[in-house]
Amino acid sequence: MNTEKKFVAINYICCKDHYKPRFEELFGSRAKAIDSMPGFINMEVLKPADGKSEYLIVSHWDSQESFKKWTSSPEFIEGHKRGFEDIRIAKEKGEELPMTSDFKTYEIIAK
């Protein structure tokens, strides 16, 4: 087993149809705050081929601890502030959220 990639976090993002272009814009112009985090290896943003499933944000880390430090860091808040703002505005207006997110984490056992 290649020990370089030990831990993977996958964020499953469900977007309302009207929000998909905005979501893709956010990632296309992302702050890249994650890129300099200790323990970060790489990330892929996967668009569903069927246009209906969730987007997947797959990040590779050297450890679960490094990932947890990222999610509680000021860089995490900075990297997500535009999406968080979109959600805040929808809540304020009493609208349905434009996207939902569900993180799941995995250890790599085989390649």
N, C-alpha and C. Protein backbone atom coordinates (compact mmCIF):
# COMPACT_ATOMS: atom_id res chain seq x y z
N MET A 1 0.84 -1.19 0.00
CA MET A 1 0.00 0.00 0.00
C MET A 1 0.88 1.24 0.00
N ASN A 2 0.54 2.21 -0.79
CA ASN A 2 1.22 3.49 -0.81
C ASN A 2 0.77 4.25 0.43
N THR A 3 1.70 4.56 1.33
CA THR A 3 1.32 5.21 2.57
C THR A 3 1.15 6.71 2.43
N GLU A 4 1.39 7.25 1.24
CA GLU A 4 1.26 8.69 1.04
C GLU A 4 -0.17 9.16 1.31
N LYS A 5 -1.16 8.41 0.89
CA LYS A 5 -2.56 8.80 1.08
C LYS A 5 -3.19 7.87 2.09
N LYS A 6 -3.35 8.37 3.30
CA LYS A 6 -3.85 7.53 4.38
C LYS A 6 -5.31 7.80 4.72
N PHE A 7 -5.79 8.99 4.40
CA PHE A 7 -7.10 9.39 4.88
C PHE A 7 -7.80 10.21 3.81
N VAL A 8 -9.07 9.94 3.60
CA VAL A 8 -9.85 10.65 2.59
C VAL A 8 -11.13 11.17 3.23
N ALA A 9 -11.44 12.41 2.92
CA ALA A 9 -12.72 13.00 3.34
C ALA A 9 -13.51 13.29 2.07
N ILE A 10 -14.75 12.86 2.05
CA ILE A 10 -15.61 13.13 0.90
C ILE A 10 -16.80 13.94 1.38
N ASN A 11 -16.98 15.07 0.74
CA ASN A 11 -18.12 15.92 1.05
C ASN A 11 -19.14 15.73 -0.07
N TYR A 12 -20.29 15.21 0.28
CA TYR A 12 -21.38 14.98 -0.67
C TYR A 12 -22.24 16.24 -0.67
N ILE A 13 -22.28 16.94 -1.80
CA ILE A 13 -22.99 18.21 -1.90
C ILE A 13 -24.21 18.05 -2.81
N CYS A 14 -25.38 18.29 -2.26
CA CYS A 14 -26.62 18.29 -3.06
C CYS A 14 -26.99 19.75 -3.32
N CYS A 15 -27.10 20.10 -4.59
CA CYS A 15 -27.45 21.47 -4.98
C CYS A 15 -28.82 21.50 -5.64
N LYS A 16 -29.58 22.52 -5.33
CA LYS A 16 -30.80 22.79 -6.09
C LYS A 16 -30.37 23.13 -7.52
N ASP A 17 -31.21 22.79 -8.48
CA ASP A 17 -30.84 23.01 -9.89
C ASP A 17 -30.41 24.45 -10.17
N HIS A 18 -31.14 25.40 -9.61
CA HIS A 18 -30.81 26.81 -9.87
C HIS A 18 -29.46 27.21 -9.28
N TYR A 19 -28.96 26.45 -8.30
CA TYR A 19 -27.72 26.81 -7.61
C TYR A 19 -26.47 26.15 -8.22
N LYS A 20 -26.66 25.16 -9.06
CA LYS A 20 -25.51 24.42 -9.61
C LYS A 20 -24.50 25.32 -10.31
N PRO A 21 -24.91 26.26 -11.17
CA PRO A 21 -23.91 27.14 -11.79
C PRO A 21 -23.14 27.96 -10.75
N ARG A 22 -23.81 28.42 -9.72
CA ARG A 22 -23.15 29.19 -8.65
C ARG A 22 -22.16 28.31 -7.91
N PHE A 23 -22.56 27.08 -7.59
CA PHE A 23 -21.67 26.15 -6.89
C PHE A 23 -20.41 25.91 -7.71
N GLU A 24 -20.57 25.68 -8.99
CA GLU A 24 -19.41 25.44 -9.86
C GLU A 24 -18.53 26.69 -9.96
N GLU A 25 -19.16 27.85 -9.97
CA GLU A 25 -18.40 29.11 -9.97
C GLU A 25 -17.57 29.24 -8.69
N LEU A 26 -18.17 28.90 -7.55
CA LEU A 26 -17.46 29.00 -6.28
C LEU A 26 -16.21 28.14 -6.28
N PHE A 27 -16.31 26.93 -6.78
CA PHE A 27 -15.13 26.07 -6.81
C PHE A 27 -14.15 26.49 -7.89
N GLY A 28 -14.63 27.03 -8.98
CA GLY A 28 -13.75 27.50 -10.03
C GLY A 28 -12.91 28.70 -9.62
N SER A 29 -13.41 29.43 -8.64
CA SER A 29 -12.70 30.62 -8.17
C SER A 29 -12.37 30.50 -6.68
N ARG A 30 -12.14 29.29 -6.24
CA ARG A 30 -11.93 29.03 -4.81
C ARG A 30 -10.68 29.74 -4.27
N ALA A 31 -10.67 29.97 -2.99
CA ALA A 31 -9.59 30.70 -2.33
C ALA A 31 -8.30 29.86 -2.25
N LYS A 32 -8.42 28.55 -2.40
CA LYS A 32 -7.28 27.63 -2.31
C LYS A 32 -6.63 27.64 -0.92
N ALA A 33 -7.41 28.00 0.08
CA ALA A 33 -6.89 28.03 1.45
C ALA A 33 -6.46 26.65 1.93
N ILE A 34 -7.12 25.62 1.43
CA ILE A 34 -6.81 24.26 1.85
C ILE A 34 -5.41 23.82 1.37
N ASP A 35 -4.97 24.38 0.26
CA ASP A 35 -3.75 23.91 -0.40
C ASP A 35 -2.50 24.02 0.48
N SER A 36 -2.47 24.95 1.39
CA SER A 36 -1.29 25.15 2.22
C SER A 36 -1.45 24.55 3.63
N MET A 37 -2.52 23.83 3.86
CA MET A 37 -2.74 23.25 5.19
C MET A 37 -1.81 22.06 5.43
N PRO A 38 -1.21 21.98 6.62
CA PRO A 38 -0.37 20.83 6.94
C PRO A 38 -1.15 19.53 6.81
N GLY A 39 -0.57 18.56 6.14
CA GLY A 39 -1.19 17.25 5.98
C GLY A 39 -2.06 17.11 4.75
N PHE A 40 -2.38 18.23 4.08
CA PHE A 40 -3.20 18.17 2.87
C PHE A 40 -2.36 17.61 1.72
N ILE A 41 -2.95 16.68 0.97
CA ILE A 41 -2.25 16.08 -0.18
C ILE A 41 -2.83 16.59 -1.48
N ASN A 42 -4.11 16.39 -1.70
CA ASN A 42 -4.76 16.91 -2.91
C ASN A 42 -6.27 16.83 -2.78
N MET A 43 -6.95 17.38 -3.79
CA MET A 43 -8.41 17.42 -3.77
C MET A 43 -8.93 17.32 -5.20
N GLU A 44 -10.06 16.65 -5.34
CA GLU A 44 -10.79 16.61 -6.60
C GLU A 44 -12.22 17.07 -6.33
N VAL A 45 -12.76 17.82 -7.28
CA VAL A 45 -14.17 18.22 -7.24
C VAL A 45 -14.83 17.49 -8.39
N LEU A 46 -15.77 16.60 -8.08
CA LEU A 46 -16.39 15.75 -9.09
C LEU A 46 -17.82 16.19 -9.36
N LYS A 47 -18.09 16.44 -10.63
CA LYS A 47 -19.44 16.83 -11.06
C LYS A 47 -20.17 15.57 -11.51
N PRO A 48 -21.42 15.39 -11.08
CA PRO A 48 -22.14 14.18 -11.46
C PRO A 48 -22.39 14.13 -12.97
N ALA A 49 -22.02 13.02 -13.59
CA ALA A 49 -22.20 12.85 -15.03
C ALA A 49 -23.68 12.85 -15.41
N ASP A 50 -24.53 12.39 -14.48
CA ASP A 50 -25.96 12.34 -14.79
C ASP A 50 -26.67 13.67 -14.53
N GLY A 51 -25.94 14.63 -13.97
CA GLY A 51 -26.52 15.94 -13.68
C GLY A 51 -27.53 15.93 -12.54
N LYS A 52 -27.73 14.79 -11.91
CA LYS A 52 -28.75 14.66 -10.87
C LYS A 52 -28.17 14.29 -9.50
N SER A 53 -27.07 13.56 -9.50
CA SER A 53 -26.48 13.08 -8.24
C SER A 53 -25.74 14.21 -7.53
N GLU A 54 -25.18 13.87 -6.39
CA GLU A 54 -24.41 14.84 -5.62
C GLU A 54 -23.08 15.15 -6.30
N TYR A 55 -22.60 16.37 -6.05
CA TYR A 55 -21.20 16.68 -6.34
C TYR A 55 -20.38 16.03 -5.23
N LEU A 56 -19.18 15.60 -5.56
CA LEU A 56 -18.29 15.03 -4.55
C LEU A 56 -17.04 15.89 -4.46
N ILE A 57 -16.68 16.26 -3.26
CA ILE A 57 -15.43 16.95 -3.01
C ILE A 57 -14.57 15.94 -2.26
N VAL A 58 -13.54 15.44 -2.92
CA VAL A 58 -12.71 14.37 -2.37
C VAL A 58 -11.36 14.96 -1.99
N SER A 59 -11.05 14.97 -0.71
CA SER A 59 -9.76 15.50 -0.28
C SER A 59 -8.95 14.39 0.38
N HIS A 60 -7.66 14.39 0.05
CA HIS A 60 -6.72 13.39 0.57
C HIS A 60 -5.81 14.05 1.60
N TRP A 61 -5.61 13.35 2.71
CA TRP A 61 -4.86 13.87 3.84
C TRP A 61 -3.88 12.83 4.35
N ASP A 62 -2.85 13.29 5.07
CA ASP A 62 -1.91 12.34 5.66
C ASP A 62 -2.48 11.68 6.92
N SER A 63 -3.51 12.32 7.51
CA SER A 63 -4.12 11.75 8.72
C SER A 63 -5.48 12.38 8.98
N GLN A 64 -6.27 11.69 9.78
CA GLN A 64 -7.56 12.23 10.19
C GLN A 64 -7.35 13.49 11.02
N GLU A 65 -6.31 13.51 11.81
CA GLU A 65 -6.02 14.68 12.65
C GLU A 65 -5.79 15.92 11.78
N SER A 66 -5.05 15.79 10.68
CA SER A 66 -4.82 16.93 9.79
C SER A 66 -6.14 17.44 9.20
N PHE A 67 -7.01 16.51 8.82
CA PHE A 67 -8.31 16.90 8.28
C PHE A 67 -9.12 17.65 9.33
N LYS A 68 -9.15 17.13 10.55
CA LYS A 68 -9.92 17.78 11.62
C LYS A 68 -9.39 19.18 11.91
N LYS A 69 -8.07 19.34 11.87
CA LYS A 69 -7.49 20.67 12.09
C LYS A 69 -7.95 21.63 10.99
N TRP A 70 -8.03 21.14 9.75
CA TRP A 70 -8.51 21.97 8.64
C TRP A 70 -9.94 22.44 8.90
N THR A 71 -10.82 21.53 9.31
CA THR A 71 -12.24 21.89 9.45
C THR A 71 -12.50 22.85 10.60
N SER A 72 -11.54 23.00 11.51
CA SER A 72 -11.73 23.95 12.61
C SER A 72 -10.80 25.16 12.48
N SER A 73 -10.22 25.34 11.31
CA SER A 73 -9.24 26.42 11.11
C SER A 73 -9.88 27.69 10.55
N PRO A 74 -9.22 28.83 10.75
CA PRO A 74 -9.67 30.07 10.11
C PRO A 74 -9.64 29.96 8.58
N GLU A 75 -8.71 29.17 8.05
CA GLU A 75 -8.61 28.96 6.61
C GLU A 75 -9.86 28.25 6.07
N PHE A 76 -10.41 27.34 6.85
CA PHE A 76 -11.65 26.65 6.45
C PHE A 76 -12.79 27.66 6.32
N ILE A 77 -12.93 28.52 7.32
CA ILE A 77 -13.97 29.55 7.29
C ILE A 77 -13.77 30.46 6.08
N GLU A 78 -12.54 30.88 5.85
CA GLU A 78 -12.24 31.75 4.71
C GLU A 78 -12.57 31.05 3.39
N GLY A 79 -12.19 29.78 3.27
CA GLY A 79 -12.42 29.04 2.04
C GLY A 79 -13.88 28.77 1.73
N HIS A 80 -14.73 28.84 2.75
CA HIS A 80 -16.14 28.51 2.57
C HIS A 80 -17.08 29.70 2.77
N LYS A 81 -16.54 30.87 3.01
CA LYS A 81 -17.38 32.00 3.42
C LYS A 81 -18.42 32.39 2.38
N ARG A 82 -18.13 32.28 1.09
CA ARG A 82 -19.12 32.67 0.08
C ARG A 82 -20.30 31.69 0.07
N GLY A 83 -20.02 30.41 0.16
CA GLY A 83 -21.10 29.42 0.23
C GLY A 83 -21.90 29.55 1.51
N PHE A 84 -21.19 29.77 2.65
CA PHE A 84 -21.89 29.97 3.92
C PHE A 84 -22.79 31.20 3.84
N GLU A 85 -22.34 32.24 3.14
CA GLU A 85 -23.14 33.46 3.00
C GLU A 85 -24.40 33.18 2.18
N ASP A 86 -24.27 32.39 1.11
CA ASP A 86 -25.44 32.03 0.31
C ASP A 86 -26.48 31.30 1.16
N ILE A 87 -26.01 30.41 2.01
CA ILE A 87 -26.91 29.66 2.89
C ILE A 87 -27.56 30.60 3.91
N ARG A 88 -26.77 31.49 4.48
CA ARG A 88 -27.30 32.45 5.46
C ARG A 88 -28.41 33.31 4.84
N ILE A 89 -28.18 33.78 3.63
CA ILE A 89 -29.18 34.62 2.95
C ILE A 89 -30.46 33.83 2.70
N ALA A 90 -30.34 32.59 2.26
CA ALA A 90 -31.53 31.76 2.03
C ALA A 90 -32.32 31.57 3.33
N LYS A 91 -31.60 31.30 4.43
CA LYS A 91 -32.27 31.13 5.72
C LYS A 91 -32.98 32.41 6.14
N GLU A 92 -32.28 33.52 5.96
CA GLU A 92 -32.85 34.82 6.33
C GLU A 92 -34.14 35.11 5.57
N LYS A 93 -34.20 34.71 4.32
CA LYS A 93 -35.37 34.93 3.48
C LYS A 93 -36.44 33.87 3.69
N GLY A 94 -36.13 32.85 4.49
CA GLY A 94 -37.08 31.77 4.71
C GLY A 94 -37.18 30.83 3.53
N GLU A 95 -36.15 30.83 2.68
CA GLU A 95 -36.14 29.98 1.49
C GLU A 95 -35.48 28.62 1.80
N GLU A 96 -35.76 27.69 0.93
CA GLU A 96 -35.09 26.39 1.01
C GLU A 96 -33.61 26.59 0.76
N LEU A 97 -32.76 25.85 1.46
CA LEU A 97 -31.32 26.00 1.28
C LEU A 97 -30.92 25.63 -0.14
N PRO A 98 -29.99 26.39 -0.74
CA PRO A 98 -29.58 26.12 -2.11
C PRO A 98 -28.72 24.87 -2.24
N MET A 99 -28.10 24.47 -1.12
CA MET A 99 -27.27 23.26 -1.12
C MET A 99 -27.21 22.69 0.28
N THR A 100 -26.95 21.40 0.34
CA THR A 100 -26.70 20.74 1.61
C THR A 100 -25.40 19.95 1.47
N SER A 101 -24.79 19.67 2.60
CA SER A 101 -23.48 19.05 2.60
C SER A 101 -23.44 17.94 3.64
N ASP A 102 -22.77 16.86 3.30
CA ASP A 102 -22.61 15.74 4.24
C ASP A 102 -21.20 15.18 4.09
N PHE A 103 -20.36 15.39 5.10
CA PHE A 103 -19.00 14.86 5.10
C PHE A 103 -18.99 13.41 5.56
N LYS A 104 -18.24 12.60 4.86
CA LYS A 104 -17.95 11.24 5.31
C LYS A 104 -16.46 11.05 5.18
N THR A 105 -15.88 10.28 6.10
CA THR A 105 -14.44 10.10 6.08
C THR A 105 -14.09 8.62 5.97
N TYR A 106 -12.93 8.37 5.37
CA TYR A 106 -12.51 7.01 5.05
C TYR A 106 -11.02 6.84 5.26
N GLU A 107 -10.63 5.64 5.64
CA GLU A 107 -9.24 5.26 5.62
C GLU A 107 -9.01 4.43 4.37
N ILE A 108 -7.90 4.66 3.69
CA ILE A 108 -7.59 3.88 2.49
C ILE A 108 -6.99 2.55 2.93
N ILE A 109 -7.57 1.46 2.45
CA ILE A 109 -7.05 0.14 2.82
C ILE A 109 -6.43 -0.59 1.64
N ALA A 110 -6.68 -0.14 0.41
CA ALA A 110 -6.08 -0.78 -0.77
C ALA A 110 -6.10 0.21 -1.91
N LYS A 111 -5.14 0.00 -2.82
CA LYS A 111 -5.07 0.80 -4.06
C LYS A 111 -4.94 -0.14 -5.22
